[in-house]
């Protein structure tokens, strides 16, 4: 866990669809960060997590992950919720994450549930 709060004291978010991004700044600008971009179909809303520096707070369960972000919010990421964003949410992903990252020289790597499972198995 990232802070002194227990899971019971934190906000829990369960998105309908999600992707994790490893965002790496240009050399000398800062450290890489993992952020969760999530969306819901109705109402059409999106959310970008505060992020974390590594996978140490990521908890792996059979059908979902629990991942506390630096703000304290815990995301429940269902493994079968493939990234299937609505047009509106996809447009926000492009406008708010991908285009700004590219314009400032950041590298953005997309990670799915399978990618996270593999990363966690390698970390053991």
N, C-alpha and C. Protein backbone atom coordinates (compact mmCIF):
# COMPACT_ATOMS: atom_id res chain seq x y z
N UNK A 1 0.82 -1.18 0.00
CA UNK A 1 0.00 0.00 0.00
C UNK A 1 0.86 1.24 0.00
N UNK A 2 0.31 2.29 -0.56
CA UNK A 2 1.08 3.51 -0.71
C UNK A 2 1.02 4.44 0.49
N UNK A 3 -0.05 4.34 1.26
CA UNK A 3 -0.17 5.26 2.39
C UNK A 3 -0.68 4.50 3.60
N UNK A 4 -0.95 5.22 4.68
CA UNK A 4 -1.34 4.58 5.93
C UNK A 4 -2.81 4.19 5.99
N UNK A 5 -3.59 4.57 5.01
CA UNK A 5 -5.01 4.22 4.99
C UNK A 5 -5.17 2.75 4.65
N UNK A 6 -6.20 2.15 5.20
CA UNK A 6 -6.52 0.78 4.80
C UNK A 6 -7.39 0.84 3.56
N UNK A 7 -7.55 -0.29 2.88
CA UNK A 7 -8.42 -0.34 1.71
C UNK A 7 -9.83 0.11 2.05
N UNK A 8 -10.26 -0.09 3.30
CA UNK A 8 -11.62 0.25 3.70
C UNK A 8 -11.82 1.76 3.85
N UNK A 9 -10.76 2.52 3.95
CA UNK A 9 -10.85 3.97 4.13
C UNK A 9 -10.70 4.75 2.83
N UNK A 10 -10.54 4.07 1.71
CA UNK A 10 -10.23 4.72 0.44
C UNK A 10 -11.40 4.64 -0.53
N UNK A 11 -11.41 5.58 -1.46
CA UNK A 11 -12.40 5.54 -2.53
C UNK A 11 -12.08 4.36 -3.45
N UNK A 12 -13.13 3.63 -3.85
CA UNK A 12 -12.96 2.50 -4.76
C UNK A 12 -13.62 2.86 -6.09
N UNK A 13 -12.89 2.65 -7.19
CA UNK A 13 -13.38 2.92 -8.53
C UNK A 13 -13.34 1.62 -9.31
N UNK A 14 -14.45 1.28 -9.97
CA UNK A 14 -14.52 0.08 -10.80
C UNK A 14 -14.97 0.49 -12.20
N UNK A 15 -14.03 0.72 -13.10
CA UNK A 15 -14.40 1.16 -14.45
C UNK A 15 -15.01 0.04 -15.29
N UNK A 16 -15.83 0.44 -16.25
CA UNK A 16 -16.38 -0.52 -17.20
C UNK A 16 -15.31 -0.99 -18.17
N UNK A 17 -14.42 -0.09 -18.54
CA UNK A 17 -13.34 -0.42 -19.45
C UNK A 17 -12.11 0.41 -19.06
N UNK A 18 -10.93 -0.13 -19.32
CA UNK A 18 -9.72 0.54 -18.83
C UNK A 18 -8.50 0.12 -19.63
N UNK A 19 -7.48 0.94 -19.52
CA UNK A 19 -6.13 0.66 -20.03
C UNK A 19 -5.14 1.28 -19.05
N UNK A 20 -4.02 0.62 -18.87
CA UNK A 20 -2.94 1.19 -18.08
C UNK A 20 -1.90 1.73 -19.06
N UNK A 21 -1.36 2.88 -18.74
CA UNK A 21 -0.31 3.48 -19.55
C UNK A 21 0.94 3.64 -18.70
N UNK A 22 2.07 3.24 -19.25
CA UNK A 22 3.36 3.57 -18.66
C UNK A 22 3.85 4.78 -19.43
N UNK A 23 3.87 5.91 -18.76
CA UNK A 23 4.23 7.19 -19.39
C UNK A 23 5.65 7.54 -18.96
N UNK A 24 6.52 7.64 -19.94
CA UNK A 24 7.94 7.90 -19.68
C UNK A 24 8.32 9.26 -20.26
N UNK A 25 8.77 10.18 -19.41
CA UNK A 25 9.16 11.50 -19.90
C UNK A 25 10.52 11.45 -20.59
N UNK A 26 10.84 12.50 -21.33
CA UNK A 26 12.17 12.58 -21.93
C UNK A 26 13.25 12.54 -20.84
N UNK A 27 14.44 12.12 -21.20
CA UNK A 27 15.55 12.00 -20.25
C UNK A 27 15.76 13.32 -19.50
N UNK A 28 15.92 13.20 -18.18
CA UNK A 28 16.21 14.35 -17.34
C UNK A 28 15.00 15.16 -16.92
N UNK A 29 13.81 14.77 -17.35
CA UNK A 29 12.61 15.55 -17.03
C UNK A 29 11.86 15.00 -15.83
N UNK A 30 11.96 13.71 -15.59
CA UNK A 30 11.24 13.11 -14.48
C UNK A 30 11.29 11.60 -14.58
N UNK A 31 10.49 10.96 -13.76
CA UNK A 31 10.46 9.50 -13.70
C UNK A 31 9.21 8.96 -14.41
N UNK A 32 9.30 7.73 -14.90
CA UNK A 32 8.11 7.10 -15.50
C UNK A 32 7.00 6.93 -14.46
N UNK A 33 5.76 6.90 -14.95
CA UNK A 33 4.60 6.73 -14.08
C UNK A 33 3.58 5.83 -14.78
N UNK A 34 2.94 4.98 -13.98
CA UNK A 34 1.83 4.16 -14.46
C UNK A 34 0.54 4.90 -14.15
N UNK A 35 -0.31 5.08 -15.15
CA UNK A 35 -1.61 5.72 -14.94
C UNK A 35 -2.69 4.85 -15.56
N UNK A 36 -3.86 4.89 -14.95
CA UNK A 36 -5.00 4.13 -15.44
C UNK A 36 -5.97 5.11 -16.12
N UNK A 37 -6.27 4.83 -17.38
CA UNK A 37 -7.31 5.58 -18.08
C UNK A 37 -8.54 4.69 -18.10
N UNK A 38 -9.65 5.20 -17.58
CA UNK A 38 -10.85 4.37 -17.48
C UNK A 38 -12.05 5.10 -18.06
N UNK A 39 -13.03 4.29 -18.45
CA UNK A 39 -14.23 4.86 -19.04
C UNK A 39 -15.48 4.09 -18.66
N UNK A 40 -16.60 4.78 -18.82
CA UNK A 40 -17.92 4.22 -18.57
C UNK A 40 -18.81 4.59 -19.75
N UNK A 41 -19.74 3.70 -20.09
CA UNK A 41 -20.60 3.93 -21.24
C UNK A 41 -21.78 4.85 -20.95
N UNK A 42 -22.41 4.68 -19.79
CA UNK A 42 -23.58 5.49 -19.49
C UNK A 42 -23.60 5.87 -18.03
N UNK A 43 -23.44 7.11 -17.70
CA UNK A 43 -23.18 8.18 -18.66
C UNK A 43 -21.75 8.07 -19.19
N UNK A 44 -21.53 8.65 -20.35
CA UNK A 44 -20.20 8.59 -20.95
C UNK A 44 -19.26 9.49 -20.16
N UNK A 45 -18.40 8.86 -19.36
CA UNK A 45 -17.42 9.60 -18.57
C UNK A 45 -16.08 8.89 -18.66
N UNK A 46 -15.05 9.62 -18.35
CA UNK A 46 -13.69 9.08 -18.37
C UNK A 46 -12.98 9.58 -17.13
N UNK A 47 -11.87 8.92 -16.83
CA UNK A 47 -11.09 9.29 -15.65
C UNK A 47 -9.65 8.87 -15.88
N UNK A 48 -8.72 9.70 -15.45
CA UNK A 48 -7.29 9.39 -15.48
C UNK A 48 -6.80 9.36 -14.05
N UNK A 49 -6.19 8.25 -13.65
CA UNK A 49 -5.74 8.12 -12.26
C UNK A 49 -4.55 9.03 -11.97
N UNK A 50 -4.28 9.21 -10.68
CA UNK A 50 -3.15 10.03 -10.25
C UNK A 50 -1.82 9.37 -10.58
N UNK A 51 -1.82 8.03 -10.68
CA UNK A 51 -0.62 7.31 -11.08
C UNK A 51 0.22 6.82 -9.92
N UNK A 52 1.13 5.91 -10.26
CA UNK A 52 2.10 5.37 -9.32
C UNK A 52 3.41 5.12 -10.06
N UNK A 53 4.49 5.06 -9.30
CA UNK A 53 5.82 4.91 -9.90
C UNK A 53 6.17 3.47 -10.29
N UNK A 54 5.50 2.49 -9.66
CA UNK A 54 5.86 1.09 -9.94
C UNK A 54 4.66 0.18 -9.71
N UNK A 55 4.87 -1.10 -9.84
CA UNK A 55 3.79 -2.09 -9.72
C UNK A 55 3.64 -2.65 -8.30
N UNK A 56 4.36 -2.13 -7.33
CA UNK A 56 4.38 -2.73 -5.99
C UNK A 56 3.03 -2.74 -5.29
N UNK A 57 2.15 -1.80 -5.60
CA UNK A 57 0.83 -1.75 -4.97
C UNK A 57 -0.23 -2.51 -5.76
N UNK A 58 0.14 -3.09 -6.88
CA UNK A 58 -0.80 -3.84 -7.72
C UNK A 58 -1.04 -5.22 -7.13
N UNK A 59 -2.30 -5.53 -6.83
CA UNK A 59 -2.67 -6.83 -6.26
C UNK A 59 -3.43 -7.62 -7.31
N UNK A 60 -3.00 -8.87 -7.51
CA UNK A 60 -3.55 -9.72 -8.56
C UNK A 60 -4.48 -10.76 -7.98
N UNK A 61 -5.72 -10.78 -8.46
CA UNK A 61 -6.71 -11.78 -8.09
C UNK A 61 -7.12 -12.52 -9.36
N UNK A 62 -7.89 -13.56 -9.21
CA UNK A 62 -8.23 -14.38 -10.37
C UNK A 62 -8.90 -13.59 -11.50
N UNK A 63 -9.87 -12.77 -11.18
CA UNK A 63 -10.62 -12.09 -12.23
C UNK A 63 -10.45 -10.57 -12.24
N UNK A 64 -9.64 -10.04 -11.35
CA UNK A 64 -9.45 -8.59 -11.31
C UNK A 64 -8.14 -8.25 -10.61
N UNK A 65 -7.75 -6.98 -10.77
CA UNK A 65 -6.63 -6.39 -10.05
C UNK A 65 -7.19 -5.35 -9.09
N UNK A 66 -6.52 -5.13 -7.97
CA UNK A 66 -6.74 -3.97 -7.13
C UNK A 66 -5.45 -3.17 -7.17
N UNK A 67 -5.58 -1.87 -7.41
CA UNK A 67 -4.37 -1.06 -7.54
C UNK A 67 -4.61 0.30 -6.92
N UNK A 68 -3.93 0.55 -5.81
CA UNK A 68 -4.03 1.84 -5.15
C UNK A 68 -3.10 2.82 -5.84
N UNK A 69 -3.64 3.99 -6.13
CA UNK A 69 -2.88 5.04 -6.79
C UNK A 69 -2.34 6.03 -5.75
N UNK A 70 -1.49 6.93 -6.17
CA UNK A 70 -0.84 7.84 -5.22
C UNK A 70 -1.83 8.73 -4.47
N UNK A 71 -3.01 8.97 -5.05
CA UNK A 71 -4.02 9.79 -4.37
C UNK A 71 -4.72 9.01 -3.25
N UNK A 72 -4.54 7.69 -3.23
CA UNK A 72 -5.23 6.84 -2.27
C UNK A 72 -6.40 6.09 -2.89
N UNK A 73 -6.88 6.53 -4.04
CA UNK A 73 -7.98 5.86 -4.72
C UNK A 73 -7.55 4.46 -5.14
N UNK A 74 -8.44 3.50 -4.94
CA UNK A 74 -8.16 2.12 -5.33
C UNK A 74 -9.01 1.79 -6.55
N UNK A 75 -8.37 1.28 -7.57
CA UNK A 75 -9.05 0.86 -8.78
C UNK A 75 -9.22 -0.65 -8.76
N UNK A 76 -10.45 -1.10 -9.00
CA UNK A 76 -10.71 -2.52 -9.21
C UNK A 76 -10.83 -2.69 -10.72
N UNK A 77 -9.84 -3.34 -11.30
CA UNK A 77 -9.76 -3.50 -12.74
C UNK A 77 -10.11 -4.93 -13.11
N UNK A 78 -11.31 -5.12 -13.61
CA UNK A 78 -11.74 -6.45 -14.01
C UNK A 78 -10.97 -6.88 -15.24
N UNK A 79 -10.39 -8.07 -15.18
CA UNK A 79 -9.52 -8.53 -16.25
C UNK A 79 -10.24 -8.74 -17.58
N UNK A 80 -11.54 -9.01 -17.54
CA UNK A 80 -12.25 -9.22 -18.79
C UNK A 80 -12.81 -7.94 -19.39
N UNK A 81 -12.59 -6.80 -18.74
CA UNK A 81 -13.06 -5.51 -19.27
C UNK A 81 -12.02 -4.95 -20.24
N UNK A 82 -12.06 -5.48 -21.44
CA UNK A 82 -11.11 -5.06 -22.47
C UNK A 82 -11.32 -3.60 -22.81
N UNK A 83 -10.25 -2.94 -23.24
CA UNK A 83 -10.40 -1.53 -23.60
C UNK A 83 -11.32 -1.37 -24.81
N UNK A 84 -12.56 -0.99 -24.53
CA UNK A 84 -13.57 -0.81 -25.56
C UNK A 84 -14.29 0.50 -25.25
N UNK A 85 -13.59 1.60 -25.47
CA UNK A 85 -14.10 2.91 -25.11
C UNK A 85 -15.13 3.40 -26.12
N UNK A 86 -16.08 4.19 -25.65
CA UNK A 86 -17.02 4.84 -26.55
C UNK A 86 -16.26 5.86 -27.40
N UNK A 87 -16.90 6.38 -28.44
CA UNK A 87 -16.25 7.40 -29.28
C UNK A 87 -15.85 8.61 -28.45
N UNK A 88 -16.74 9.04 -27.57
CA UNK A 88 -16.47 10.20 -26.73
C UNK A 88 -15.26 9.96 -25.83
N UNK A 89 -15.24 8.82 -25.14
CA UNK A 89 -14.14 8.52 -24.22
C UNK A 89 -12.84 8.33 -25.00
N UNK A 90 -12.90 7.70 -26.17
CA UNK A 90 -11.71 7.54 -27.03
C UNK A 90 -11.16 8.90 -27.45
N UNK A 91 -12.07 9.83 -27.77
CA UNK A 91 -11.64 11.18 -28.15
C UNK A 91 -10.95 11.88 -26.98
N UNK A 92 -11.47 11.69 -25.77
CA UNK A 92 -10.85 12.29 -24.59
C UNK A 92 -9.48 11.68 -24.32
N UNK A 93 -9.34 10.37 -24.52
CA UNK A 93 -8.04 9.72 -24.38
C UNK A 93 -7.03 10.36 -25.33
N UNK A 94 -7.44 10.53 -26.55
CA UNK A 94 -6.55 11.15 -27.55
C UNK A 94 -6.20 12.59 -27.17
N UNK A 95 -7.22 13.39 -26.81
CA UNK A 95 -7.04 14.82 -26.51
C UNK A 95 -6.29 15.07 -25.21
N UNK A 96 -6.57 14.27 -24.19
CA UNK A 96 -6.05 14.56 -22.85
C UNK A 96 -4.79 13.79 -22.47
N UNK A 97 -4.50 12.68 -23.18
CA UNK A 97 -3.35 11.86 -22.82
C UNK A 97 -2.37 11.72 -23.99
N UNK A 98 -2.85 11.14 -25.08
CA UNK A 98 -1.94 10.77 -26.16
C UNK A 98 -1.35 11.96 -26.91
N UNK A 99 -2.18 12.92 -27.31
CA UNK A 99 -1.65 14.09 -28.04
C UNK A 99 -0.72 14.93 -27.18
N UNK A 100 -1.09 15.28 -25.93
CA UNK A 100 -0.15 16.06 -25.12
C UNK A 100 1.17 15.32 -24.86
N UNK A 101 1.09 14.01 -24.61
CA UNK A 101 2.32 13.25 -24.38
C UNK A 101 3.23 13.32 -25.59
N UNK A 102 2.67 13.12 -26.75
CA UNK A 102 3.47 13.16 -27.99
C UNK A 102 4.07 14.55 -28.20
N UNK A 103 3.28 15.59 -27.98
CA UNK A 103 3.78 16.94 -28.23
C UNK A 103 4.91 17.33 -27.28
N UNK A 104 4.97 16.74 -26.08
CA UNK A 104 6.03 17.04 -25.13
C UNK A 104 7.14 16.00 -25.12
N UNK A 105 7.09 15.05 -26.04
CA UNK A 105 8.16 14.07 -26.16
C UNK A 105 8.11 12.92 -25.17
N UNK A 106 6.96 12.66 -24.59
CA UNK A 106 6.79 11.54 -23.68
C UNK A 106 6.53 10.26 -24.47
N UNK A 107 6.99 9.14 -23.96
CA UNK A 107 6.69 7.84 -24.53
C UNK A 107 5.52 7.25 -23.76
N UNK A 108 4.54 6.70 -24.48
CA UNK A 108 3.36 6.13 -23.84
C UNK A 108 3.22 4.68 -24.30
N UNK A 109 3.30 3.77 -23.33
CA UNK A 109 3.15 2.34 -23.60
C UNK A 109 1.83 1.87 -23.00
N UNK A 110 0.99 1.20 -23.81
CA UNK A 110 -0.28 0.67 -23.32
C UNK A 110 -0.07 -0.71 -22.72
N UNK A 111 -0.71 -0.95 -21.57
CA UNK A 111 -0.63 -2.24 -20.90
C UNK A 111 -2.04 -2.78 -20.65
N UNK A 112 -2.29 -4.00 -21.09
CA UNK A 112 -3.57 -4.66 -20.87
C UNK A 112 -3.48 -5.54 -19.63
N UNK A 113 -4.58 -6.22 -19.31
CA UNK A 113 -4.59 -7.15 -18.18
C UNK A 113 -3.54 -8.23 -18.36
N UNK A 114 -3.42 -8.74 -19.58
CA UNK A 114 -2.42 -9.78 -19.84
C UNK A 114 -1.00 -9.25 -19.61
N UNK A 115 -0.74 -8.03 -20.04
CA UNK A 115 0.58 -7.41 -19.81
C UNK A 115 0.87 -7.28 -18.32
N UNK A 116 -0.13 -6.89 -17.54
CA UNK A 116 0.06 -6.74 -16.10
C UNK A 116 0.31 -8.09 -15.45
N UNK A 117 -0.43 -9.13 -15.87
CA UNK A 117 -0.21 -10.48 -15.35
C UNK A 117 1.24 -10.93 -15.61
N UNK A 118 1.72 -10.68 -16.81
CA UNK A 118 3.08 -11.07 -17.18
C UNK A 118 4.10 -10.29 -16.35
N UNK A 119 3.90 -8.99 -16.21
CA UNK A 119 4.83 -8.17 -15.42
C UNK A 119 4.89 -8.63 -13.97
N UNK A 120 3.74 -8.96 -13.41
CA UNK A 120 3.71 -9.42 -12.02
C UNK A 120 4.37 -10.79 -11.86
N UNK A 121 4.18 -11.67 -12.83
CA UNK A 121 4.82 -13.00 -12.73
C UNK A 121 6.34 -12.89 -12.85
N UNK A 122 6.84 -11.92 -13.61
CA UNK A 122 8.27 -11.70 -13.74
C UNK A 122 8.87 -11.08 -12.47
N UNK A 123 8.04 -10.31 -11.75
CA UNK A 123 8.52 -9.62 -10.55
C UNK A 123 8.66 -10.54 -9.36
N UNK A 124 8.09 -11.73 -9.42
CA UNK A 124 8.15 -12.66 -8.29
C UNK A 124 9.49 -13.30 -8.14
